[in-house]
Amino acid sequence: MSNKLTVIGAALLIAGCTRDYMPESGASGEQIFASACAECHSTAVKDAPGMLFTLDSDKAMPAYIANKVHSGSLIMPKFPHIEGREMRALSGYVLDHSLKD
């Protein structure tokens, strides 16, 4: 698994770590997650059906999620076109479907 993540990370770094994905106006958080995020993120936390992630308490807020989506990371690409109402919908969906530590 580690090698797979390294290859994915290198490929995204080479590709400029950005995605041109643009959600449809009025798309739900679930629709945006399915289109932009589910390809790389697991859709279930072990032993917690319906939960997507485990978030540290200090990161379980819409501003953190929006910043992460816009900024990306070494492995995660940037999604600069998810904004406004659609970003709020995505952030809400992620928060509602994540465990908090």
PDB file of N, CA and C in Angstrom:
ATOM      1  N   MET A   1       0.821  -1.189   0.000  1.00  0.00           N
ATOM      2  CA  MET A   1       0.000   0.000   0.000  1.00  0.00           C
ATOM      3  C   MET A   1       0.866   1.253   0.000  1.00  0.00           C
ATOM      4  N   SER A   2       1.937   1.258   0.765  1.00  0.00           N
ATOM      5  CA  SER A   2       2.821   2.409   0.835  1.00  0.00           C
ATOM      6  C   SER A   2       3.413   2.739  -0.534  1.00  0.00           C
ATOM      7  N   ASN A   3       3.827   1.732  -1.281  1.00  0.00           N
ATOM      8  CA  ASN A   3       4.376   1.963  -2.614  1.00  0.00           C
ATOM      9  C   ASN A   3       3.329   2.570  -3.533  1.00  0.00           C
ATOM     10  N   LYS A   4       2.093   2.101  -3.418  1.00  0.00           N
ATOM     11  CA  LYS A   4       1.010   2.634  -4.240  1.00  0.00           C
ATOM     12  C   LYS A   4       0.809   4.122  -3.950  1.00  0.00           C
ATOM     13  N   LEU A   5       0.816   4.501  -2.659  1.00  0.00           N
ATOM     14  CA  LEU A   5       0.653   5.901  -2.295  1.00  0.00           C
ATOM     15  C   LEU A   5       1.820   6.739  -2.798  1.00  0.00           C
ATOM     16  N   THR A   6       3.029   6.190  -2.760  1.00  0.00           N
ATOM     17  CA  THR A   6       4.196   6.906  -3.256  1.00  0.00           C
ATOM     18  C   THR A   6       4.068   7.165  -4.747  1.00  0.00           C
ATOM     19  N   VAL A   7       3.627   6.161  -5.495  1.00  0.00           N
ATOM     20  CA  VAL A   7       3.453   6.312  -6.935  1.00  0.00           C
ATOM     21  C   VAL A   7       2.362   7.338  -7.237  1.00  0.00           C
ATOM     22  N   ILE A   8       1.248   7.258  -6.514  1.00  0.00           N
ATOM     23  CA  ILE A   8       0.161   8.220  -6.706  1.00  0.00           C
ATOM     24  C   ILE A   8       0.652   9.628  -6.374  1.00  0.00           C
ATOM     25  N   GLY A   9       1.350   9.765  -5.253  1.00  0.00           N
ATOM     26  CA  GLY A   9       1.861  11.062  -4.848  1.00  0.00           C
ATOM     27  C   GLY A   9       2.822  11.644  -5.876  1.00  0.00           C
ATOM     28  N   ALA A  10       3.728  10.817  -6.392  1.00  0.00           N
ATOM     29  CA  ALA A  10       4.675  11.285  -7.401  1.00  0.00           C
ATOM     30  C   ALA A  10       3.951  11.698  -8.675  1.00  0.00           C
ATOM     31  N   ALA A  11       2.968  10.923  -9.076  1.00  0.00           N
ATOM     32  CA  ALA A  11       2.222  11.244 -10.294  1.00  0.00           C
ATOM     33  C   ALA A  11       1.483  12.567 -10.137  1.00  0.00           C
ATOM     34  N   LEU A  12       0.884  12.802  -8.972  1.00  0.00           N
ATOM     35  CA  LEU A  12       0.167  14.054  -8.742  1.00  0.00           C
ATOM     36  C   LEU A  12       1.124  15.233  -8.649  1.00  0.00           C
ATOM     37  N   LEU A  13       2.288  15.011  -8.050  1.00  0.00           N
ATOM     38  CA  LEU A  13       3.283  16.069  -7.968  1.00  0.00           C
ATOM     39  C   LEU A  13       3.733  16.473  -9.363  1.00  0.00           C
ATOM     40  N   ILE A  14       3.981  15.499 -10.205  1.00  0.00           N
ATOM     41  CA  ILE A  14       4.386  15.758 -11.585  1.00  0.00           C
ATOM     42  C   ILE A  14       3.262  16.460 -12.348  1.00  0.00           C
ATOM     43  N   ALA A  15       2.020  16.093 -12.058  1.00  0.00           N
ATOM     44  CA  ALA A  15       0.869  16.666 -12.756  1.00  0.00           C
ATOM     45  C   ALA A  15       0.510  18.057 -12.238  1.00  0.00           C
ATOM     46  N   GLY A  16       1.268  18.565 -11.301  1.00  0.00           N
ATOM     47  CA  GLY A  16       1.002  19.905 -10.776  1.00  0.00           C
ATOM     48  C   GLY A  16       0.065  19.909  -9.589  1.00  0.00           C
ATOM     49  N   CYS A  17      -0.295  18.752  -9.095  1.00  0.00           N
ATOM     50  CA  CYS A  17      -1.124  18.617  -7.897  1.00  0.00           C
ATOM     51  C   CYS A  17      -2.401  19.449  -7.962  1.00  0.00           C
ATOM     52  N   THR A  18      -3.068  19.409  -9.065  1.00  0.00           N
ATOM     53  CA  THR A  18      -4.335  20.115  -9.171  1.00  0.00           C
ATOM     54  C   THR A  18      -5.298  19.311 -10.035  1.00  0.00           C
ATOM     55  N   ARG A  19      -6.548  19.515  -9.819  1.00  0.00           N
ATOM     56  CA  ARG A  19      -7.585  18.878 -10.616  1.00  0.00           C
ATOM     57  C   ARG A  19      -8.481  19.971 -11.164  1.00  0.00           C
ATOM     58  N   ASP A  20      -8.908  19.812 -12.386  1.00  0.00           N
ATOM     59  CA  ASP A  20      -9.795  20.786 -13.002  1.00  0.00           C
ATOM     60  C   ASP A  20     -11.263  20.508 -12.708  1.00  0.00           C
ATOM     61  N   TYR A  21     -11.532  19.574 -11.805  1.00  0.00           N
ATOM     62  CA  TYR A  21     -12.908  19.233 -11.463  1.00  0.00           C
ATOM     63  C   TYR A  21     -13.680  20.490 -11.066  1.00  0.00           C
ATOM     64  N   MET A  22     -14.863  20.629 -11.620  1.00  0.00           N
ATOM     65  CA  MET A  22     -15.753  21.724 -11.263  1.00  0.00           C
ATOM     66  C   MET A  22     -17.126  21.131 -10.978  1.00  0.00           C
ATOM     67  N   PRO A  23     -17.608  21.272  -9.747  1.00  0.00           N
ATOM     68  CA  PRO A  23     -18.919  20.696  -9.437  1.00  0.00           C
ATOM     69  C   PRO A  23     -20.038  21.434 -10.156  1.00  0.00           C
ATOM     70  N   GLU A  24     -21.101  20.702 -10.428  1.00  0.00           N
ATOM     71  CA  GLU A  24     -22.281  21.339 -11.003  1.00  0.00           C
ATOM     72  C   GLU A  24     -22.879  22.273  -9.966  1.00  0.00           C
ATOM     73  N   SER A  25     -23.424  23.369 -10.404  1.00  0.00           N
ATOM     74  CA  SER A  25     -24.070  24.308  -9.497  1.00  0.00           C
ATOM     75  C   SER A  25     -25.173  23.586  -8.727  1.00  0.00           C
ATOM     76  N   GLY A  26     -25.160  23.737  -7.426  1.00  0.00           N
ATOM     77  CA  GLY A  26     -26.171  23.110  -6.586  1.00  0.00           C
ATOM     78  C   GLY A  26     -25.912  21.660  -6.242  1.00  0.00           C
ATOM     79  N   ALA A  27     -24.739  21.123  -6.615  1.00  0.00           N
ATOM     80  CA  ALA A  27     -24.424  19.726  -6.303  1.00  0.00           C
ATOM     81  C   ALA A  27     -24.384  19.531  -4.791  1.00  0.00           C
ATOM     82  N   SER A  28     -24.814  18.369  -4.354  1.00  0.00           N
ATOM     83  CA  SER A  28     -24.785  18.066  -2.922  1.00  0.00           C
ATOM     84  C   SER A  28     -23.356  17.703  -2.516  1.00  0.00           C
ATOM     85  N   GLY A  29     -23.093  17.759  -1.224  1.00  0.00           N
ATOM     86  CA  GLY A  29     -21.791  17.354  -0.714  1.00  0.00           C
ATOM     87  C   GLY A  29     -21.483  15.909  -1.067  1.00  0.00           C
ATOM     88  N   GLU A  30     -22.481  15.061  -0.993  1.00  0.00           N
ATOM     89  CA  GLU A  30     -22.286  13.651  -1.344  1.00  0.00           C
ATOM     90  C   GLU A  30     -21.926  13.498  -2.821  1.00  0.00           C
ATOM     91  N   GLN A  31     -22.583  14.250  -3.697  1.00  0.00           N
ATOM     92  CA  GLN A  31     -22.270  14.181  -5.130  1.00  0.00           C
ATOM     93  C   GLN A  31     -20.850  14.670  -5.409  1.00  0.00           C
ATOM     94  N   ILE A  32     -20.460  15.744  -4.760  1.00  0.00           N
ATOM     95  CA  ILE A  32     -19.107  16.283  -4.952  1.00  0.00           C
ATOM     96  C   ILE A  32     -18.079  15.291  -4.435  1.00  0.00           C
ATOM     97  N   PHE A  33     -18.314  14.741  -3.255  1.00  0.00           N
ATOM     98  CA  PHE A  33     -17.382  13.759  -2.696  1.00  0.00           C
ATOM     99  C   PHE A  33     -17.243  12.565  -3.637  1.00  0.00           C
ATOM    100  N   ALA A  34     -18.361  12.065  -4.133  1.00  0.00           N
ATOM    101  CA  ALA A  34     -18.333  10.904  -5.035  1.00  0.00           C
ATOM    102  C   ALA A  34     -17.563  11.212  -6.316  1.00  0.00           C
ATOM    103  N   SER A  35     -17.684  12.424  -6.829  1.00  0.00           N
ATOM    104  CA  SER A  35     -17.032  12.799  -8.085  1.00  0.00           C
ATOM    105  C   SER A  35     -15.567  13.183  -7.923  1.00  0.00           C
ATOM    106  N   ALA A  36     -15.243  13.877  -6.835  1.00  0.00           N
ATOM    107  CA  ALA A  36     -13.900  14.446  -6.697  1.00  0.00           C
ATOM    108  C   ALA A  36     -13.019  13.736  -5.683  1.00  0.00           C
ATOM    109  N   CYS A  37     -13.606  13.079  -4.702  1.00  0.00           N
ATOM    110  CA  CYS A  37     -12.815  12.600  -3.564  1.00  0.00           C
ATOM    111  C   CYS A  37     -12.749  11.081  -3.418  1.00  0.00           C
ATOM    112  N   ALA A  38     -13.847  10.408  -3.746  1.00  0.00           N
ATOM    113  CA  ALA A  38     -13.954   8.976  -3.467  1.00  0.00           C
ATOM    114  C   ALA A  38     -12.932   8.135  -4.214  1.00  0.00           C
ATOM    115  N   GLU A  39     -12.431   8.630  -5.333  1.00  0.00           N
ATOM    116  CA  GLU A  39     -11.428   7.888  -6.097  1.00  0.00           C
ATOM    117  C   GLU A  39     -10.199   7.575  -5.235  1.00  0.00           C
ATOM    118  N   CYS A  40      -9.822   8.492  -4.378  1.00  0.00           N
ATOM    119  CA  CYS A  40      -8.624   8.317  -3.559  1.00  0.00           C
ATOM    120  C   CYS A  40      -8.924   8.031  -2.092  1.00  0.00           C
ATOM    121  N   HIS A  41     -10.052   8.524  -1.597  1.00  0.00           N
ATOM    122  CA  HIS A  41     -10.370   8.363  -0.181  1.00  0.00           C
ATOM    123  C   HIS A  41     -11.299   7.179   0.020  1.00  0.00           C
ATOM    124  N   SER A  42     -10.974   6.392   0.993  1.00  0.00           N
ATOM    125  CA  SER A  42     -11.823   5.275   1.367  1.00  0.00           C
ATOM    126  C   SER A  42     -13.193   5.814   1.745  1.00  0.00           C
ATOM    127  N   THR A  43     -14.218   5.049   1.455  1.00  0.00           N
ATOM    128  CA  THR A  43     -15.562   5.512   1.786  1.00  0.00           C
ATOM    129  C   THR A  43     -16.086   4.889   3.073  1.00  0.00           C
ATOM    130  N   ALA A  44     -15.195   4.316   3.870  1.00  0.00           N
ATOM    131  CA  ALA A  44     -15.663   3.747   5.130  1.00  0.00           C
ATOM    132  C   ALA A  44     -14.531   3.650   6.145  1.00  0.00           C
ATOM    133  N   VAL A  45     -14.840   4.004   7.387  1.00  0.00           N
ATOM    134  CA  VAL A  45     -13.930   3.787   8.499  1.00  0.00           C
ATOM    135  C   VAL A  45     -14.239   2.401   9.031  1.00  0.00           C
ATOM    136  N   LYS A  46     -13.207   1.612   9.213  1.00  0.00           N
ATOM    137  CA  LYS A  46     -13.395   0.253   9.731  1.00  0.00           C
ATOM    138  C   LYS A  46     -14.233   0.296  11.007  1.00  0.00           C
ATOM    139  N   ASP A  47     -15.205  -0.565  11.090  1.00  0.00           N
ATOM    140  CA  ASP A  47     -16.093  -0.693  12.247  1.00  0.00           C
ATOM    141  C   ASP A  47     -16.991   0.524  12.481  1.00  0.00           C
ATOM    142  N   ALA A  48     -17.107   1.416  11.496  1.00  0.00           N
ATOM    143  CA  ALA A  48     -17.994   2.577  11.640  1.00  0.00           C
ATOM    144  C   ALA A  48     -18.690   2.837  10.310  1.00  0.00           C
ATOM    145  N   PRO A  49     -19.689   2.020   9.988  1.00  0.00           N
ATOM    146  CA  PRO A  49     -20.380   2.181   8.696  1.00  0.00           C
ATOM    147  C   PRO A  49     -20.895   3.599   8.490  1.00  0.00           C
ATOM    148  N   GLY A  50     -20.749   4.087   7.272  1.00  0.00           N
ATOM    149  CA  GLY A  50     -21.225   5.410   6.925  1.00  0.00           C
ATOM    150  C   GLY A  50     -20.253   6.534   7.250  1.00  0.00           C
ATOM    151  N   MET A  51     -19.125   6.210   7.871  1.00  0.00           N
ATOM    152  CA  MET A  51     -18.144   7.237   8.223  1.00  0.00           C
ATOM    153  C   MET A  51     -17.002   7.203   7.214  1.00  0.00           C
ATOM    154  N   LEU A  52     -16.536   8.373   6.799  1.00  0.00           N
ATOM    155  CA  LEU A  52     -15.514   8.499   5.763  1.00  0.00           C
ATOM    156  C   LEU A  52     -14.106   8.601   6.319  1.00  0.00           C
ATOM    157  N   PHE A  53     -13.922   9.381   7.366  1.00  0.00           N
ATOM    158  CA  PHE A  53     -12.607   9.691   7.904  1.00  0.00           C
ATOM    159  C   PHE A  53     -12.651   9.701   9.417  1.00  0.00           C
ATOM    160  N   THR A  54     -11.477   9.744  10.001  1.00  0.00           N
ATOM    161  CA  THR A  54     -11.335  10.115  11.398  1.00  0.00           C
ATOM    162  C   THR A  54     -10.580  11.429  11.388  1.00  0.00           C
ATOM    163  N   LEU A  55     -11.189  12.468  11.912  1.00  0.00           N
ATOM    164  CA  LEU A  55     -10.576  13.794  11.954  1.00  0.00           C
ATOM    165  C   LEU A  55     -10.148  14.123  13.373  1.00  0.00           C
ATOM    166  N   ASP A  56      -8.960  14.719  13.513  1.00  0.00           N
ATOM    167  CA  ASP A  56      -8.557  15.254  14.806  1.00  0.00           C
ATOM    168  C   ASP A  56      -9.530  16.379  15.150  1.00  0.00           C
ATOM    169  N   SER A  57      -9.837  16.535  16.416  1.00  0.00           N
ATOM    170  CA  SER A  57     -10.809  17.546  16.850  1.00  0.00           C
ATOM    171  C   SER A  57     -10.475  18.939  16.346  1.00  0.00           C
ATOM    172  N   ASP A  58      -9.182  19.285  16.319  1.00  0.00           N
ATOM    173  CA  ASP A  58      -8.798  20.627  15.884  1.00  0.00           C
ATOM    174  C   ASP A  58      -8.927  20.814  14.376  1.00  0.00           C
ATOM    175  N   LYS A  59      -9.178  19.737  13.639  1.00  0.00           N
ATOM    176  CA  LYS A  59      -9.340  19.819  12.187  1.00  0.00           C
ATOM    177  C   LYS A  59     -10.783  19.628  11.752  1.00  0.00           C
ATOM    178  N   ALA A  60     -11.654  19.333  12.684  1.00  0.00           N
ATOM    179  CA  ALA A  60     -13.058  19.061  12.368  1.00  0.00           C
ATOM    180  C   ALA A  60     -13.845  20.357  12.278  1.00  0.00           C
ATOM    181  N   MET A  61     -13.513  21.146  11.248  1.00  0.00           N
ATOM    182  CA  MET A  61     -14.214  22.410  11.031  1.00  0.00           C
ATOM    183  C   MET A  61     -14.205  22.721   9.538  1.00  0.00           C
ATOM    184  N   PRO A  62     -15.235  23.405   9.063  1.00  0.00           N
ATOM    185  CA  PRO A  62     -15.338  23.708   7.634  1.00  0.00           C
ATOM    186  C   PRO A  62     -14.119  24.441   7.070  1.00  0.00           C
ATOM    187  N   ALA A  63     -13.546  25.369   7.825  1.00  0.00           N
ATOM    188  CA  ALA A  63     -12.402  26.147   7.319  1.00  0.00           C
ATOM    189  C   ALA A  63     -11.198  25.238   7.043  1.00  0.00           C
ATOM    190  N   TYR A  64     -10.955  24.265   7.908  1.00  0.00           N
ATOM    191  CA  TYR A  64      -9.835  23.340   7.697  1.00  0.00           C
ATOM    192  C   TYR A  64     -10.071  22.517   6.427  1.00  0.00           C
ATOM    193  N   ILE A  65     -11.278  22.003   6.278  1.00  0.00           N
ATOM    194  CA  ILE A  65     -11.591  21.170   5.111  1.00  0.00           C
ATOM    195  C   ILE A  65     -11.473  21.993   3.831  1.00  0.00           C
ATOM    196  N   ALA A  66     -12.001  23.200   3.834  1.00  0.00           N
ATOM    197  CA  ALA A  66     -11.909  24.060   2.651  1.00  0.00           C
ATOM    198  C   ALA A  66     -10.456  24.353   2.299  1.00  0.00           C
ATOM    199  N   ASN A  67      -9.641  24.649   3.300  1.00  0.00           N
ATOM    200  CA  ASN A  67      -8.228  24.922   3.054  1.00  0.00           C
ATOM    201  C   ASN A  67      -7.532  23.696   2.475  1.00  0.00           C
ATOM    202  N   LYS A  68      -7.824  22.525   3.018  1.00  0.00           N
ATOM    203  CA  LYS A  68      -7.206  21.286   2.537  1.00  0.00           C
ATOM    204  C   LYS A  68      -7.612  21.010   1.090  1.00  0.00           C
ATOM    205  N   VAL A  69      -8.883  21.202   0.774  1.00  0.00           N
ATOM    206  CA  VAL A  69      -9.377  20.978  -0.587  1.00  0.00           C
ATOM    207  C   VAL A  69      -8.720  21.968  -1.557  1.00  0.00           C
ATOM    208  N   HIS A  70      -8.614  23.214  -1.160  1.00  0.00           N
ATOM    209  CA  HIS A  70      -8.015  24.229  -2.038  1.00  0.00           C
ATOM    210  C   HIS A  70      -6.501  24.104  -2.142  1.00  0.00           C
ATOM    211  N   SER A  71      -5.837  23.751  -1.049  1.00  0.00           N
ATOM    212  CA  SER A  71      -4.368  23.708  -1.021  1.00  0.00           C
ATOM    213  C   SER A  71      -3.787  22.364  -1.427  1.00  0.00           C
ATOM    214  N   GLY A  72      -4.520  21.277  -1.171  1.00  0.00           N
ATOM    215  CA  GLY A  72      -3.982  19.951  -1.432  1.00  0.00           C
ATOM    216  C   GLY A  72      -2.842  19.646  -0.481  1.00  0.00           C
ATOM    217  N   SER A  73      -2.059  18.642  -0.832  1.00  0.00           N
ATOM    218  CA  SER A  73      -0.886  18.252  -0.052  1.00  0.00           C
ATOM    219  C   SER A  73       0.031  17.470  -0.975  1.00  0.00           C
ATOM    220  N   LEU A  74       1.033  16.855  -0.423  1.00  0.00           N
ATOM    221  CA  LEU A  74       1.963  16.098  -1.251  1.00  0.00           C
ATOM    222  C   LEU A  74       1.236  15.016  -2.051  1.00  0.00           C
ATOM    223  N   ILE A  75       0.267  14.367  -1.432  1.00  0.00           N
ATOM    224  CA  ILE A  75      -0.453  13.285  -2.113  1.00  0.00           C
ATOM    225  C   ILE A  75      -1.790  13.761  -2.685  1.00  0.00           C
ATOM    226  N   MET A  76      -2.438  14.676  -1.997  1.00  0.00           N
ATOM    227  CA  MET A  76      -3.766  15.135  -2.420  1.00  0.00           C
ATOM    228  C   MET A  76      -3.647  16.313  -3.383  1.00  0.00           C
ATOM    229  N   PRO A  77      -4.324  16.243  -4.534  1.00  0.00           N
ATOM    230  CA  PRO A  77      -4.297  17.380  -5.461  1.00  0.00           C
ATOM    231  C   PRO A  77      -5.145  18.536  -4.936  1.00  0.00           C
ATOM    232  N   LYS A  78      -4.929  19.697  -5.485  1.00  0.00           N
ATOM    233  CA  LYS A  78      -5.746  20.872  -5.188  1.00  0.00           C
ATOM    234  C   LYS A  78      -7.026  20.790  -6.008  1.00  0.00           C
ATOM    235  N   PHE A  79      -8.101  21.291  -5.451  1.00  0.00           N
ATOM    236  CA  PHE A  79      -9.373  21.401  -6.160  1.00  0.00           C
ATOM    237  C   PHE A  79      -9.823  22.858  -6.081  1.00  0.00           C
ATOM    238  N   PRO A  80      -9.231  23.736  -6.884  1.00  0.00           N
ATOM    239  CA  PRO A  80      -9.504  25.168  -6.767  1.00  0.00           C
ATOM    240  C   PRO A  80     -10.894  25.601  -7.221  1.00  0.00           C
ATOM    241  N   HIS A  81     -11.613  24.747  -7.922  1.00  0.00           N
ATOM    242  CA  HIS A  81     -12.923  25.135  -8.452  1.00  0.00           C
ATOM    243  C   HIS A  81     -14.088  24.733  -7.552  1.00  0.00           C
ATOM    244  N   ILE A  82     -13.797  24.132  -6.420  1.00  0.00           N
ATOM    245  CA  ILE A  82     -14.862  23.831  -5.453  1.00  0.00           C
ATOM    246  C   ILE A  82     -14.900  25.027  -4.504  1.00  0.00           C
ATOM    247  N   GLU A  83     -15.954  25.827  -4.616  1.00  0.00           N
ATOM    248  CA  GLU A  83     -16.035  27.071  -3.856  1.00  0.00           C
ATOM    249  C   GLU A  83     -17.457  27.331  -3.391  1.00  0.00           C
ATOM    250  N   GLY A  84     -17.600  28.345  -2.581  1.00  0.00           N
ATOM    251  CA  GLY A  84     -18.910  28.844  -2.176  1.00  0.00           C
ATOM    252  C   GLY A  84     -19.856  27.783  -1.649  1.00  0.00           C
ATOM    253  N   ARG A  85     -21.062  27.769  -2.189  1.00  0.00           N
ATOM    254  CA  ARG A  85     -22.103  26.852  -1.739  1.00  0.00           C
ATOM    255  C   ARG A  85     -21.671  25.408  -1.859  1.00  0.00           C
ATOM    256  N   GLU A  86     -20.968  25.071  -2.930  1.00  0.00           N
ATOM    257  CA  GLU A  86     -20.527  23.687  -3.142  1.00  0.00           C
ATOM    258  C   GLU A  86     -19.456  23.293  -2.127  1.00  0.00           C
ATOM    259  N   MET A  87     -18.560  24.229  -1.758  1.00  0.00           N
ATOM    260  CA  MET A  87     -17.559  23.933  -0.728  1.00  0.00           C
ATOM    261  C   MET A  87     -18.240  23.735   0.620  1.00  0.00           C
ATOM    262  N   ARG A  88     -19.232  24.557   0.915  1.00  0.00           N
ATOM    263  CA  ARG A  88     -19.966  24.386   2.171  1.00  0.00           C
ATOM    264  C   ARG A  88     -20.669  23.033   2.197  1.00  0.00           C
ATOM    265  N   ALA A  89     -21.234  22.632   1.070  1.00  0.00           N
ATOM    266  CA  ALA A  89     -21.911  21.337   0.996  1.00  0.00           C
ATOM    267  C   ALA A  89     -20.914  20.197   1.192  1.00  0.00           C
ATOM    268  N   LEU A  90     -19.758  20.278   0.533  1.00  0.00           N
ATOM    269  CA  LEU A  90     -18.736  19.240   0.682  1.00  0.00           C
ATOM    270  C   LEU A  90     -18.210  19.196   2.114  1.00  0.00           C
ATOM    271  N   SER A  91     -17.887  20.348   2.681  1.00  0.00           N
ATOM    272  CA  SER A  91     -17.379  20.399   4.053  1.00  0.00           C
ATOM    273  C   SER A  91     -18.394  19.814   5.031  1.00  0.00           C
ATOM    274  N   GLY A  92     -19.651  20.184   4.872  1.00  0.00           N
ATOM    275  CA  GLY A  92     -20.702  19.646   5.735  1.00  0.00           C
ATOM    276  C   GLY A  92     -20.824  18.139   5.611  1.00  0.00           C
ATOM    277  N   TYR A  93     -20.745  17.647   4.385  1.00  0.00           N
ATOM    278  CA  TYR A  93     -20.833  16.203   4.161  1.00  0.00           C
ATOM    279  C   TYR A  93     -19.674  15.484   4.833  1.00  0.00           C
ATOM    280  N   VAL A  94     -18.474  16.005   4.660  1.00  0.00           N
ATOM    281  CA  VAL A  94     -17.289  15.379   5.269  1.00  0.00           C
ATOM    282  C   VAL A  94     -17.409  15.402   6.787  1.00  0.00           C
ATOM    283  N   LEU A  95     -17.810  16.529   7.355  1.00  0.00           N
ATOM    284  CA  LEU A  95     -17.954  16.625   8.803  1.00  0.00           C
ATOM    285  C   LEU A  95     -19.047  15.697   9.331  1.00  0.00           C
ATOM    286  N   ASP A  96     -20.157  15.632   8.630  1.00  0.00           N
ATOM    287  CA  ASP A  96     -21.266  14.779   9.069  1.00  0.00           C
ATOM    288  C   ASP A  96     -20.949  13.293   8.975  1.00  0.00           C
ATOM    289  N   HIS A  97     -19.986  12.948   8.123  1.00  0.00           N
ATOM    290  CA  HIS A  97     -19.673  11.543   7.900  1.00  0.00           C
ATOM    291  C   HIS A  97     -18.257  11.189   8.353  1.00  0.00           C
ATOM    292  N   SER A  98     -17.763  11.887   9.371  1.00  0.00           N
ATOM    293  CA  SER A  98     -16.432  11.627   9.895  1.00  0.00           C
ATOM    294  C   SER A  98     -16.491  11.450  11.403  1.00  0.00           C
ATOM    295  N   LEU A  99     -15.649  10.564  11.884  1.00  0.00           N
ATOM    296  CA  LEU A  99     -15.471  10.419  13.331  1.00  0.00           C
ATOM    297  C   LEU A  99     -14.548  11.522  13.798  1.00  0.00           C
ATOM    298  N   LYS A 100     -14.761  12.022  14.997  1.00  0.00           N
ATOM    299  CA  LYS A 100     -13.895  13.054  15.543  1.00  0.00           C
ATOM    300  C   LYS A 100     -13.133  12.490  16.731  1.00  0.00           C
ATOM    301  N   ASP A 101     -11.812  12.700  16.730  1.00  0.00           N
ATOM    302  CA  ASP A 101     -10.972  12.280  17.868  1.00  0.00           C
ATOM    303  C   ASP A 101     -10.900  13.358  18.902  1.00  0.00           C
TER     304      ASP A 101
END
